[in-house]
PDB file of all heavy atoms in Angstrom:
ATOM      1  N   GLU A   1     103.767 149.860 120.769  1.00  0.00           N
ATOM      2  CA  GLU A   1     102.396 149.777 120.265  1.00  0.00           C
ATOM      3  C   GLU A   1     102.013 150.910 119.321  1.00  0.00           C
ATOM      4  O   GLU A   1     101.238 150.696 118.395  1.00  0.00           O
ATOM      5  CB  GLU A   1     101.402 149.712 121.426  1.00  0.00           C
ATOM      6  CG  GLU A   1     101.499 148.405 122.183  1.00  0.00           C
ATOM      7  CD  GLU A   1     100.528 148.305 123.350  1.00  0.00           C
ATOM      8  OE1 GLU A   1      99.552 149.085 123.407  1.00  0.00           O
ATOM      9  OE2 GLU A   1     100.758 147.445 124.213  1.00  0.00           O
ATOM     10  N   VAL A   2     102.517 152.124 119.591  1.00  0.00           N
ATOM     11  CA  VAL A   2     102.073 153.269 118.777  1.00  0.00           C
ATOM     12  C   VAL A   2     103.220 154.113 118.227  1.00  0.00           C
ATOM     13  O   VAL A   2     102.983 155.118 117.557  1.00  0.00           O
ATOM     14  CB  VAL A   2     101.069 154.162 119.542  1.00  0.00           C
ATOM     15  CG1 VAL A   2      99.779 153.405 119.819  1.00  0.00           C
ATOM     16  CG2 VAL A   2     101.669 154.711 120.821  1.00  0.00           C
ATOM     17  N   GLY A   3     104.468 153.738 118.507  1.00  0.00           N
ATOM     18  CA  GLY A   3     105.612 154.424 117.925  1.00  0.00           C
ATOM     19  C   GLY A   3     105.920 155.800 118.494  1.00  0.00           C
ATOM     20  O   GLY A   3     106.676 156.557 117.892  1.00  0.00           O
ATOM     21  N   ILE A   4     105.360 156.130 119.645  1.00  0.00           N
ATOM     22  CA  ILE A   4     105.587 157.441 120.259  1.00  0.00           C
ATOM     23  C   ILE A   4     106.569 157.281 121.426  1.00  0.00           C
ATOM     24  O   ILE A   4     106.406 156.392 122.262  1.00  0.00           O
ATOM     25  CB  ILE A   4     104.266 158.045 120.791  1.00  0.00           C
ATOM     26  CG1 ILE A   4     103.273 158.261 119.654  1.00  0.00           C
ATOM     27  CG2 ILE A   4     104.498 159.327 121.572  1.00  0.00           C
ATOM     28  CD1 ILE A   4     103.590 159.412 118.737  1.00  0.00           C
ATOM     29  N   ASP A   5     107.564 158.150 121.472  1.00  0.00           N
ATOM     30  CA  ASP A   5     108.534 158.147 122.569  1.00  0.00           C
ATOM     31  C   ASP A   5     108.080 159.164 123.613  1.00  0.00           C
ATOM     32  O   ASP A   5     108.072 160.364 123.359  1.00  0.00           O
ATOM     33  CB  ASP A   5     109.928 158.508 122.049  1.00  0.00           C
ATOM     34  CG  ASP A   5     110.996 158.466 123.130  1.00  0.00           C
ATOM     35  OD1 ASP A   5     110.675 158.169 124.312  1.00  0.00           O
ATOM     36  OD2 ASP A   5     112.159 158.739 122.800  1.00  0.00           O
ATOM     37  N   VAL A   6     107.685 158.665 124.782  1.00  0.00           N
ATOM     38  CA  VAL A   6     107.200 159.542 125.856  1.00  0.00           C
ATOM     39  C   VAL A   6     108.249 159.758 126.944  1.00  0.00           C
ATOM     40  O   VAL A   6     107.948 160.332 127.984  1.00  0.00           O
ATOM     41  CB  VAL A   6     105.890 159.005 126.483  1.00  0.00           C
ATOM     42  CG1 VAL A   6     104.769 158.975 125.460  1.00  0.00           C
ATOM     43  CG2 VAL A   6     106.102 157.641 127.116  1.00  0.00           C
ATOM     44  N   SER A   7     109.484 159.314 126.691  1.00  0.00           N
ATOM     45  CA  SER A   7     110.505 159.377 127.743  1.00  0.00           C
ATOM     46  C   SER A   7     110.792 160.793 128.222  1.00  0.00           C
ATOM     47  O   SER A   7     111.193 160.983 129.371  1.00  0.00           O
ATOM     48  CB  SER A   7     111.792 158.681 127.298  1.00  0.00           C
ATOM     49  OG  SER A   7     112.289 159.262 126.119  1.00  0.00           O
ATOM     50  N   ASN A   8     110.568 161.794 127.377  1.00  0.00           N
ATOM     51  CA  ASN A   8     110.796 163.180 127.797  1.00  0.00           C
ATOM     52  C   ASN A   8     109.502 163.987 127.906  1.00  0.00           C
ATOM     53  O   ASN A   8     109.542 165.216 127.978  1.00  0.00           O
ATOM     54  CB  ASN A   8     111.751 163.874 126.815  1.00  0.00           C
ATOM     55  CG  ASN A   8     113.136 163.264 126.877  1.00  0.00           C
ATOM     56  OD1 ASN A   8     113.674 163.051 127.960  1.00  0.00           O
ATOM     57  ND2 ASN A   8     113.693 162.944 125.722  1.00  0.00           N
ATOM     58  N   ALA A   9     108.375 163.294 127.915  1.00  0.00           N
ATOM     59  CA  ALA A   9     107.078 163.975 127.990  1.00  0.00           C
ATOM     60  C   ALA A   9     106.804 164.461 129.410  1.00  0.00           C
ATOM     61  O   ALA A   9     107.336 163.928 130.380  1.00  0.00           O
ATOM     62  CB  ALA A   9     105.962 163.025 127.551  1.00  0.00           C
ATOM     63  N   LYS A  10     105.943 165.458 129.498  1.00  0.00           N
ATOM     64  CA  LYS A  10     105.483 165.940 130.795  1.00  0.00           C
ATOM     65  C   LYS A  10     104.543 164.895 131.393  1.00  0.00           C
ATOM     66  O   LYS A  10     103.771 164.263 130.675  1.00  0.00           O
ATOM     67  CB  LYS A  10     104.746 167.274 130.594  1.00  0.00           C
ATOM     68  CG  LYS A  10     104.450 168.035 131.868  1.00  0.00           C
ATOM     69  CD  LYS A  10     103.895 169.404 131.551  1.00  0.00           C
ATOM     70  CE  LYS A  10     102.395 169.278 131.391  1.00  0.00           C
ATOM     71  NZ  LYS A  10     101.713 170.535 131.185  1.00  0.00           N
ATOM     72  N   GLY A  11     104.613 164.716 132.702  1.00  0.00           N
ATOM     73  CA  GLY A  11     103.700 163.785 133.365  1.00  0.00           C
ATOM     74  C   GLY A  11     104.432 162.654 134.044  1.00  0.00           C
ATOM     75  O   GLY A  11     105.630 162.722 134.286  1.00  0.00           O
ATOM     76  N   GLY A  12     103.704 161.607 134.353  1.00  0.00           N
ATOM     77  CA  GLY A  12     104.263 160.453 135.039  1.00  0.00           C
ATOM     78  C   GLY A  12     103.158 159.633 135.684  1.00  0.00           C
ATOM     79  O   GLY A  12     101.996 159.698 135.281  1.00  0.00           O
ATOM     80  N   HIS A  13     103.522 158.882 136.714  1.00  0.00           N
ATOM     81  CA  HIS A  13     102.590 157.989 137.400  1.00  0.00           C
ATOM     82  C   HIS A  13     101.497 158.812 138.082  1.00  0.00           C
ATOM     83  O   HIS A  13     101.777 159.783 138.771  1.00  0.00           O
ATOM     84  CB  HIS A  13     103.351 157.150 138.435  1.00  0.00           C
ATOM     85  CG  HIS A  13     102.475 156.211 139.185  1.00  0.00           C
ATOM     86  ND1 HIS A  13     101.932 156.525 140.408  1.00  0.00           N
ATOM     87  CD2 HIS A  13     102.012 154.985 138.861  1.00  0.00           C
ATOM     88  CE1 HIS A  13     101.189 155.520 140.822  1.00  0.00           C
ATOM     89  NE2 HIS A  13     101.219 154.566 139.909  1.00  0.00           N
ATOM     90  N   ILE A  14     100.232 158.408 137.875  1.00  0.00           N
ATOM     91  CA  ILE A  14      99.139 159.153 138.513  1.00  0.00           C
ATOM     92  C   ILE A  14      98.211 158.292 139.359  1.00  0.00           C
ATOM     93  O   ILE A  14      97.436 158.821 140.153  1.00  0.00           O
ATOM     94  CB  ILE A  14      98.290 159.936 137.488  1.00  0.00           C
ATOM     95  CG1 ILE A  14      97.660 159.017 136.456  1.00  0.00           C
ATOM     96  CG2 ILE A  14      99.097 161.028 136.839  1.00  0.00           C
ATOM     97  CD1 ILE A  14      96.574 159.696 135.623  1.00  0.00           C
ATOM     98  N   TYR A  15      98.284 156.964 139.219  1.00  0.00           N
ATOM     99  CA  TYR A  15      97.255 156.157 139.868  1.00  0.00           C
ATOM    100  C   TYR A  15      97.678 154.697 139.788  1.00  0.00           C
ATOM    101  O   TYR A  15      98.277 154.271 138.800  1.00  0.00           O
ATOM    102  CB  TYR A  15      95.938 156.399 139.115  1.00  0.00           C
ATOM    103  CG  TYR A  15      94.745 155.587 139.521  1.00  0.00           C
ATOM    104  CD1 TYR A  15      94.154 155.755 140.771  1.00  0.00           C
ATOM    105  CD2 TYR A  15      94.169 154.679 138.645  1.00  0.00           C
ATOM    106  CE1 TYR A  15      93.028 155.032 141.130  1.00  0.00           C
ATOM    107  CE2 TYR A  15      93.037 153.959 138.985  1.00  0.00           C
ATOM    108  CZ  TYR A  15      92.466 154.142 140.231  1.00  0.00           C
ATOM    109  OH  TYR A  15      91.360 153.432 140.584  1.00  0.00           O
ATOM    110  N   THR A  16      97.358 153.918 140.822  1.00  0.00           N
ATOM    111  CA  THR A  16      97.555 152.469 140.807  1.00  0.00           C
ATOM    112  C   THR A  16      96.277 151.810 141.290  1.00  0.00           C
ATOM    113  O   THR A  16      95.665 152.281 142.241  1.00  0.00           O
ATOM    114  CB  THR A  16      98.717 152.044 141.724  1.00  0.00           C
ATOM    115  OG1 THR A  16      99.936 152.621 141.235  1.00  0.00           O
ATOM    116  CG2 THR A  16      98.885 150.529 141.763  1.00  0.00           C
ATOM    117  N   TYR A  17      95.879 150.760 140.621  1.00  0.00           N
ATOM    118  CA  TYR A  17      94.763 149.969 141.146  1.00  0.00           C
ATOM    119  C   TYR A  17      95.147 148.494 141.158  1.00  0.00           C
ATOM    120  O   TYR A  17      96.108 148.076 140.524  1.00  0.00           O
ATOM    121  CB  TYR A  17      93.456 150.229 140.383  1.00  0.00           C
ATOM    122  CG  TYR A  17      93.395 149.769 138.947  1.00  0.00           C
ATOM    123  CD1 TYR A  17      92.949 148.498 138.613  1.00  0.00           C
ATOM    124  CD2 TYR A  17      93.741 150.625 137.909  1.00  0.00           C
ATOM    125  CE1 TYR A  17      92.860 148.091 137.300  1.00  0.00           C
ATOM    126  CE2 TYR A  17      93.644 150.226 136.588  1.00  0.00           C
ATOM    127  CZ  TYR A  17      93.207 148.958 136.297  1.00  0.00           C
ATOM    128  OH  TYR A  17      93.125 148.556 134.985  1.00  0.00           O
ATOM    129  N   LYS A  18      94.389 147.743 141.956  1.00  0.00           N
ATOM    130  CA  LYS A  18      94.659 146.321 142.157  1.00  0.00           C
ATOM    131  C   LYS A  18      93.421 145.528 141.770  1.00  0.00           C
ATOM    132  O   LYS A  18      92.301 145.937 142.056  1.00  0.00           O
ATOM    133  CB  LYS A  18      94.993 146.094 143.636  1.00  0.00           C
ATOM    134  CG  LYS A  18      95.252 144.657 144.021  1.00  0.00           C
ATOM    135  CD  LYS A  18      95.896 144.507 145.386  1.00  0.00           C
ATOM    136  CE  LYS A  18      94.994 144.700 146.541  1.00  0.00           C
ATOM    137  NZ  LYS A  18      95.620 144.309 147.826  1.00  0.00           N
ATOM    138  N   ASN A  19      93.633 144.404 141.099  1.00  0.00           N
ATOM    139  CA  ASN A  19      92.549 143.500 140.724  1.00  0.00           C
ATOM    140  C   ASN A  19      92.872 142.103 141.258  1.00  0.00           C
ATOM    141  O   ASN A  19      93.974 141.607 141.050  1.00  0.00           O
ATOM    142  CB  ASN A  19      92.397 143.451 139.207  1.00  0.00           C
ATOM    143  CG  ASN A  19      91.236 142.576 138.794  1.00  0.00           C
ATOM    144  OD1 ASN A  19      90.092 142.940 138.965  1.00  0.00           O
ATOM    145  ND2 ASN A  19      91.543 141.403 138.260  1.00  0.00           N
ATOM    146  N   GLU A  20      91.918 141.512 141.942  1.00  0.00           N
ATOM    147  CA  GLU A  20      92.081 140.140 142.412  1.00  0.00           C
ATOM    148  C   GLU A  20      91.009 139.272 141.764  1.00  0.00           C
ATOM    149  O   GLU A  20      89.826 139.565 141.883  1.00  0.00           O
ATOM    150  CB  GLU A  20      91.964 140.080 143.938  1.00  0.00           C
ATOM    151  CG  GLU A  20      93.100 140.815 144.641  1.00  0.00           C
ATOM    152  CD  GLU A  20      93.085 140.648 146.147  1.00  0.00           C
ATOM    153  OE1 GLU A  20      93.381 139.529 146.609  1.00  0.00           O
ATOM    154  OE2 GLU A  20      92.778 141.629 146.832  1.00  0.00           O
ATOM    155  N   SER A  21      91.454 138.226 141.072  1.00  0.00           N
ATOM    156  CA  SER A  21      90.549 137.276 140.414  1.00  0.00           C
ATOM    157  C   SER A  21      90.983 135.857 140.765  1.00  0.00           C
ATOM    158  O   SER A  21      91.588 135.164 139.947  1.00  0.00           O
ATOM    159  CB  SER A  21      90.576 137.458 138.898  1.00  0.00           C
ATOM    160  OG  SER A  21      89.996 138.656 138.519  1.00  0.00           O
ATOM    161  N   PRO A  22      90.688 135.423 142.005  1.00  0.00           N
ATOM    162  CA  PRO A  22      91.140 134.084 142.419  1.00  0.00           C
ATOM    163  C   PRO A  22      90.606 132.967 141.522  1.00  0.00           C
ATOM    164  O   PRO A  22      91.316 132.000 141.263  1.00  0.00           O
ATOM    165  CB  PRO A  22      90.621 133.932 143.842  1.00  0.00           C
ATOM    166  CG  PRO A  22      89.975 135.208 144.218  1.00  0.00           C
ATOM    167  CD  PRO A  22      89.952 136.114 143.035  1.00  0.00           C
ATOM    168  N   GLU A  23      89.366 133.123 141.010  1.00  0.00           N
ATOM    169  CA  GLU A  23      88.802 132.073 140.166  1.00  0.00           C
ATOM    170  C   GLU A  23      89.552 131.956 138.840  1.00  0.00           C
ATOM    171  O   GLU A  23      89.659 130.883 138.270  1.00  0.00           O
ATOM    172  CB  GLU A  23      87.297 132.294 139.930  1.00  0.00           C
ATOM    173  CG  GLU A  23      86.926 133.543 139.143  1.00  0.00           C
ATOM    174  CD  GLU A  23      87.027 134.861 139.916  1.00  0.00           C
ATOM    175  OE1 GLU A  23      87.164 134.863 141.153  1.00  0.00           O
ATOM    176  OE2 GLU A  23      86.990 135.909 139.255  1.00  0.00           O
ATOM    177  N   GLU A  24      90.112 133.072 138.349  1.00  0.00           N
ATOM    178  CA  GLU A  24      90.896 133.050 137.116  1.00  0.00           C
ATOM    179  C   GLU A  24      92.385 132.869 137.389  1.00  0.00           C
ATOM    180  O   GLU A  24      93.182 132.755 136.457  1.00  0.00           O
ATOM    181  CB  GLU A  24      90.682 134.353 136.330  1.00  0.00           C
ATOM    182  CG  GLU A  24      89.271 134.531 135.839  1.00  0.00           C
ATOM    183  CD  GLU A  24      89.042 135.897 135.205  1.00  0.00           C
ATOM    184  OE1 GLU A  24      89.994 136.694 135.101  1.00  0.00           O
ATOM    185  OE2 GLU A  24      87.902 136.151 134.809  1.00  0.00           O
ATOM    186  N   LYS A  25      92.776 132.899 138.660  1.00  0.00           N
ATOM    187  CA  LYS A  25      94.185 132.820 139.081  1.00  0.00           C
ATOM    188  C   LYS A  25      95.006 133.907 138.403  1.00  0.00           C
ATOM    189  O   LYS A  25      96.122 133.676 137.946  1.00  0.00           O
ATOM    190  CB  LYS A  25      94.762 131.436 138.810  1.00  0.00           C
ATOM    191  CG  LYS A  25      94.070 130.336 139.590  1.00  0.00           C
ATOM    192  CD  LYS A  25      94.727 128.999 139.370  1.00  0.00           C
ATOM    193  CE  LYS A  25      93.996 127.941 140.176  1.00  0.00           C
ATOM    194  NZ  LYS A  25      94.584 126.635 140.000  1.00  0.00           N
ATOM    195  N   ASN A  26      94.397 135.105 138.321  1.00  0.00           N
ATOM    196  CA  ASN A  26      95.037 136.245 137.666  1.00  0.00           C
ATOM    197  C   ASN A  26      94.836 137.487 138.530  1.00  0.00           C
ATOM    198  O   ASN A  26      93.816 138.164 138.430  1.00  0.00           O
ATOM    199  CB  ASN A  26      94.449 136.455 136.271  1.00  0.00           C
ATOM    200  CG  ASN A  26      95.070 137.634 135.558  1.00  0.00           C
ATOM    201  OD1 ASN A  26      96.124 138.139 135.942  1.00  0.00           O
ATOM    202  ND2 ASN A  26      94.419 138.095 134.517  1.00  0.00           N
ATOM    203  N   ASN A  27      95.799 137.763 139.389  1.00  0.00           N
ATOM    204  CA  ASN A  27      95.776 138.944 140.243  1.00  0.00           C
ATOM    205  C   ASN A  27      96.827 139.916 139.732  1.00  0.00           C
ATOM    206  O   ASN A  27      97.925 139.499 139.381  1.00  0.00           O
ATOM    207  CB  ASN A  27      96.104 138.578 141.691  1.00  0.00           C
ATOM    208  CG  ASN A  27      95.219 137.480 142.230  1.00  0.00           C
ATOM    209  OD1 ASN A  27      94.020 137.461 141.994  1.00  0.00           O
ATOM    210  ND2 ASN A  27      95.818 136.537 142.941  1.00  0.00           N
ATOM    211  N   TYR A  28      96.494 141.198 139.726  1.00  0.00           N
ATOM    212  CA  TYR A  28      97.471 142.140 139.200  1.00  0.00           C
ATOM    213  C   TYR A  28      97.285 143.541 139.761  1.00  0.00           C
ATOM    214  O   TYR A  28      96.207 143.912 140.211  1.00  0.00           O
ATOM    215  CB  TYR A  28      97.420 142.198 137.675  1.00  0.00           C
ATOM    216  CG  TYR A  28      96.059 142.480 137.084  1.00  0.00           C
ATOM    217  CD1 TYR A  28      95.625 143.802 136.885  1.00  0.00           C
ATOM    218  CD2 TYR A  28      95.218 141.452 136.711  1.00  0.00           C
ATOM    219  CE1 TYR A  28      94.378 144.065 136.341  1.00  0.00           C
ATOM    220  CE2 TYR A  28      93.968 141.714 136.159  1.00  0.00           C
ATOM    221  CZ  TYR A  28      93.554 143.017 135.982  1.00  0.00           C
ATOM    222  OH  TYR A  28      92.317 143.281 135.441  1.00  0.00           O
ATOM    223  N   PHE A  29      98.390 144.278 139.719  1.00  0.00           N
ATOM    224  CA  PHE A  29      98.399 145.712 139.956  1.00  0.00           C
ATOM    225  C   PHE A  29      98.530 146.386 138.597  1.00  0.00           C
ATOM    226  O   PHE A  29      99.172 145.847 137.694  1.00  0.00           O
ATOM    227  CB  PHE A  29      99.616 146.141 140.792  1.00  0.00           C
ATOM    228  CG  PHE A  29      99.557 145.704 142.222  1.00  0.00           C
ATOM    229  CD1 PHE A  29     100.249 144.571 142.641  1.00  0.00           C
ATOM    230  CD2 PHE A  29      98.835 146.435 143.159  1.00  0.00           C
ATOM    231  CE1 PHE A  29     100.214 144.176 143.963  1.00  0.00           C
ATOM    232  CE2 PHE A  29      98.800 146.043 144.485  1.00  0.00           C
ATOM    233  CZ  PHE A  29      99.490 144.913 144.890  1.00  0.00           C
ATOM    234  N   VAL A  30      97.935 147.568 138.466  1.00  0.00           N
ATOM    235  CA  VAL A  30      98.101 148.356 137.250  1.00  0.00           C
ATOM    236  C   VAL A  30      98.594 149.739 137.651  1.00  0.00           C
ATOM    237  O   VAL A  30      97.925 150.446 138.413  1.00  0.00           O
ATOM    238  CB  VAL A  30      96.783 148.489 136.457  1.00  0.00           C
ATOM    239  CG1 VAL A  30      97.006 149.344 135.209  1.00  0.00           C
ATOM    240  CG2 VAL A  30      96.242 147.125 136.072  1.00  0.00           C
ATOM    241  N   ASP A  31      99.775 150.105 137.176  1.00  0.00           N
ATOM    242  CA  ASP A  31     100.290 151.464 137.336  1.00  0.00           C
ATOM    243  C   ASP A  31      99.853 152.257 136.112  1.00  0.00           C
ATOM    244  O   ASP A  31     100.148 151.873 134.978  1.00  0.00           O
ATOM    245  CB  ASP A  31     101.824 151.476 137.429  1.00  0.00           C
ATOM    246  CG  ASP A  31     102.338 151.044 138.794  1.00  0.00           C
ATOM    247  OD1 ASP A  31     101.533 150.909 139.734  1.00  0.00           O
ATOM    248  OD2 ASP A  31     103.564 150.849 138.918  1.00  0.00           O
ATOM    249  N   VAL A  32      99.128 153.342 136.360  1.00  0.00           N
ATOM    250  CA  VAL A  32      98.615 154.177 135.285  1.00  0.00           C
ATOM    251  C   VAL A  32      99.454 155.447 135.207  1.00  0.00           C
ATOM    252  O   VAL A  32      99.684 156.116 136.223  1.00  0.00           O
ATOM    253  CB  VAL A  32      97.125 154.537 135.517  1.00  0.00           C
ATOM    254  CG1 VAL A  32      96.598 155.390 134.362  1.00  0.00           C
ATOM    255  CG2 VAL A  32      96.288 153.272 135.691  1.00  0.00           C
ATOM    256  N   TYR A  33      99.909 155.752 134.008  1.00  0.00           N
ATOM    257  CA  TYR A  33     100.725 156.938 133.748  1.00  0.00           C
ATOM    258  C   TYR A  33      99.969 157.875 132.826  1.00  0.00           C
ATOM    259  O   TYR A  33      99.183 157.441 131.996  1.00  0.00           O
ATOM    260  CB  TYR A  33     102.050 156.545 133.074  1.00  0.00           C
ATOM    261  CG  TYR A  33     103.003 155.866 134.004  1.00  0.00           C
ATOM    262  CD1 TYR A  33     102.878 154.514 134.315  1.00  0.00           C
ATOM    263  CD2 TYR A  33     104.045 156.583 134.589  1.00  0.00           C
ATOM    264  CE1 TYR A  33     103.761 153.890 135.179  1.00  0.00           C
ATOM    265  CE2 TYR A  33     104.933 155.966 135.457  1.00  0.00           C
ATOM    266  CZ  TYR A  33     104.778 154.625 135.746  1.00  0.00           C
ATOM    267  OH  TYR A  33     105.653 154.021 136.615  1.00  0.00           O
ATOM    268  N   ASN A  34     100.241 159.167 132.973  1.00  0.00           N
ATOM    269  CA  ASN A  34      99.710 160.175 132.068  1.00  0.00           C
ATOM    270  C   ASN A  34     100.891 160.946 131.489  1.00  0.00           C
ATOM    271  O   ASN A  34     101.727 161.445 132.240  1.00  0.00           O
ATOM    272  CB  ASN A  34      98.772 161.127 132.820  1.00  0.00           C
ATOM    273  CG  ASN A  34      98.221 162.247 131.959  1.00  0.00           C
ATOM    274  OD1 ASN A  34      98.157 163.387 132.388  1.00  0.00           O
ATOM    275  ND2 ASN A  34      97.798 161.951 130.749  1.00  0.00           N
ATOM    276  N   PHE A  35     100.967 160.989 130.174  1.00  0.00           N
ATOM    277  CA  PHE A  35     102.023 161.730 129.490  1.00  0.00           C
ATOM    278  C   PHE A  35     101.370 162.755 128.565  1.00  0.00           C
ATOM    279  O   PHE A  35     100.456 162.420 127.810  1.00  0.00           O
ATOM    280  CB  PHE A  35     102.912 160.802 128.662  1.00  0.00           C
ATOM    281  CG  PHE A  35     103.644 159.785 129.478  1.00  0.00           C
ATOM    282  CD1 PHE A  35     103.261 158.456 129.473  1.00  0.00           C
ATOM    283  CD2 PHE A  35     104.736 160.154 130.255  1.00  0.00           C
ATOM    284  CE1 PHE A  35     103.943 157.506 130.220  1.00  0.00           C
ATOM    285  CE2 PHE A  35     105.418 159.224 131.010  1.00  0.00           C
ATOM    286  CZ  PHE A  35     105.022 157.894 130.995  1.00  0.00           C
ATOM    287  N   VAL A  36     101.846 163.993 128.625  1.00  0.00           N
ATOM    288  CA  VAL A  36     101.332 165.059 127.780  1.00  0.00           C
ATOM    289  C   VAL A  36     102.460 165.507 126.864  1.00  0.00           C
ATOM    290  O   VAL A  36     103.551 165.861 127.334  1.00  0.00           O
ATOM    291  CB  VAL A  36     100.826 166.248 128.625  1.00  0.00           C
ATOM    292  CG1 VAL A  36     100.291 167.360 127.729  1.00  0.00           C
ATOM    293  CG2 VAL A  36      99.762 165.786 129.617  1.00  0.00           C
ATOM    294  N   LEU A  37     102.196 165.470 125.557  1.00  0.00           N
ATOM    295  CA  LEU A  37     103.212 165.886 124.598  1.00  0.00           C
ATOM    296  C   LEU A  37     102.565 166.296 123.285  1.00  0.00           C
ATOM    297  O   LEU A  37     101.392 166.020 123.035  1.00  0.00           O
ATOM    298  CB  LEU A  37     104.251 164.791 124.376  1.00  0.00           C
ATOM    299  CG  LEU A  37     103.835 163.516 123.651  1.00  0.00           C
ATOM    300  CD1 LEU A  37     105.072 162.870 123.048  1.00  0.00           C
ATOM    301  CD2 LEU A  37     103.157 162.542 124.590  1.00  0.00           C
ATOM    302  N   ASP A  38     103.349 166.956 122.471  1.00  0.00           N
ATOM    303  CA  ASP A  38     102.897 167.429 121.169  1.00  0.00           C
ATOM    304  C   ASP A  38     103.073 166.297 120.157  1.00  0.00           C
ATOM    305  O   ASP A  38     104.199 165.909 119.851  1.00  0.00           O
ATOM    306  CB  ASP A  38     103.708 168.663 120.763  1.00  0.00           C
ATOM    307  CG  ASP A  38     103.188 169.336 119.507  1.00  0.00           C
ATOM    308  OD1 ASP A  38     102.055 169.028 119.089  1.00  0.00           O
ATOM    309  OD2 ASP A  38     103.923 170.180 118.951  1.00  0.00           O
ATOM    310  N   PHE A  39     101.964 165.738 119.674  1.00  0.00           N
ATOM    311  CA  PHE A  39     102.020 164.721 118.621  1.00  0.00           C
ATOM    312  C   PHE A  39     100.772 164.861 117.764  1.00  0.00           C
ATOM    313  O   PHE A  39      99.787 165.480 118.154  1.00  0.00           O
ATOM    314  CB  PHE A  39     102.135 163.308 119.210  1.00  0.00           C
ATOM    315  CG  PHE A  39     100.888 162.834 119.911  1.00  0.00           C
ATOM    316  CD1 PHE A  39      99.930 162.109 119.229  1.00  0.00           C
ATOM    317  CD2 PHE A  39     100.679 163.108 121.262  1.00  0.00           C
ATOM    318  CE1 PHE A  39      98.777 161.677 119.870  1.00  0.00           C
ATOM    319  CE2 PHE A  39      99.537 162.680 121.908  1.00  0.00           C
ATOM    320  CZ  PHE A  39      98.587 161.958 121.212  1.00  0.00           C
ATOM    321  N   LYS A  40     100.832 164.268 116.593  1.00  0.00           N
ATOM    322  CA  LYS A  40      99.675 164.265 115.689  1.00  0.00           C
ATOM    323  C   LYS A  40      99.515 162.864 115.090  1.00  0.00           C
ATOM    324  O   LYS A  40     100.379 162.009 115.257  1.00  0.00           O
ATOM    325  CB  LYS A  40      99.817 165.336 114.617  1.00  0.00           C
ATOM    326  CG  LYS A  40     101.134 165.375 113.893  1.00  0.00           C
ATOM    327  CD  LYS A  40     101.276 166.677 113.107  1.00  0.00           C
ATOM    328  CE  LYS A  40     102.650 166.887 112.545  1.00  0.00           C
ATOM    329  NZ  LYS A  40     103.756 166.871 113.446  1.00  0.00           N
ATOM    330  N   ALA A  41      98.420 162.667 114.392  1.00  0.00           N
ATOM    331  CA  ALA A  41      98.102 161.346 113.856  1.00  0.00           C
ATOM    332  C   ALA A  41      99.219 160.794 112.973  1.00  0.00           C
ATOM    333  O   ALA A  41      99.504 159.601 112.997  1.00  0.00           O
ATOM    334  CB  ALA A  41      96.781 161.396 113.085  1.00  0.00           C
ATOM    335  N   SER A  42      99.886 161.658 112.215  1.00  0.00           N
ATOM    336  CA  SER A  42     100.950 161.184 111.318  1.00  0.00           C
ATOM    337  C   SER A  42     102.164 160.654 112.076  1.00  0.00           C
ATOM    338  O   SER A  42     102.997 159.957 111.498  1.00  0.00           O
ATOM    339  CB  SER A  42     101.366 162.303 110.360  1.00  0.00           C
ATOM    340  OG  SER A  42     101.857 163.417 111.078  1.00  0.00           O
ATOM    341  N   ASP A  43     102.270 160.946 113.380  1.00  0.00           N
ATOM    342  CA  ASP A  43     103.370 160.433 114.206  1.00  0.00           C
ATOM    343  C   ASP A  43     103.120 159.006 114.688  1.00  0.00           C
ATOM    344  O   ASP A  43     104.041 158.343 115.151  1.00  0.00           O
ATOM    345  CB  ASP A  43     103.577 161.323 115.440  1.00  0.00           C
ATOM    346  CG  ASP A  43     103.968 162.744 115.081  1.00  0.00           C
ATOM    347  OD1 ASP A  43     104.678 162.939 114.074  1.00  0.00           O
ATOM    348  OD2 ASP A  43     103.558 163.667 115.823  1.00  0.00           O
ATOM    349  N   ILE A  44     101.891 158.543 114.595  1.00  0.00           N
ATOM    350  CA  ILE A  44     101.511 157.239 115.139  1.00  0.00           C
ATOM    351  C   ILE A  44     101.898 156.133 114.161  1.00  0.00           C
ATOM    352  O   ILE A  44     101.548 156.171 112.983  1.00  0.00           O
ATOM    353  CB  ILE A  44      99.993 157.162 115.416  1.00  0.00           C
ATOM    354  CG1 ILE A  44      99.502 158.364 116.218  1.00  0.00           C
ATOM    355  CG2 ILE A  44      99.626 155.844 116.084  1.00  0.00           C
ATOM    356  CD1 ILE A  44     100.143 158.574 117.536  1.00  0.00           C
ATOM    357  N   LYS A  45     102.613 155.138 114.678  1.00  0.00           N
ATOM    358  CA  LYS A  45     102.999 153.953 113.900  1.00  0.00           C
ATOM    359  C   LYS A  45     102.563 152.739 114.718  1.00  0.00           C
ATOM    360  O   LYS A  45     103.270 152.306 115.628  1.00  0.00           O
ATOM    361  CB  LYS A  45     104.521 153.901 113.677  1.00  0.00           C
ATOM    362  CG  LYS A  45     105.111 155.177 113.083  1.00  0.00           C
ATOM    363  CD  LYS A  45     104.794 155.316 111.614  1.00  0.00           C
ATOM    364  CE  LYS A  45     105.454 156.516 110.985  1.00  0.00           C
ATOM    365  NZ  LYS A  45     104.660 157.719 110.941  1.00  0.00           N
TER     366      LYS A  45
END
């Protein structure tokens, strides 16, 4: 999505939440990650 490689960045998984929407038949878990690294706008693709 943004052209940034976070594979060696500081950070990792910080939070998970669950959403249940039986009427939409769309239930999901979301794993949220936080990555901290040195980048600037010109690095974004």
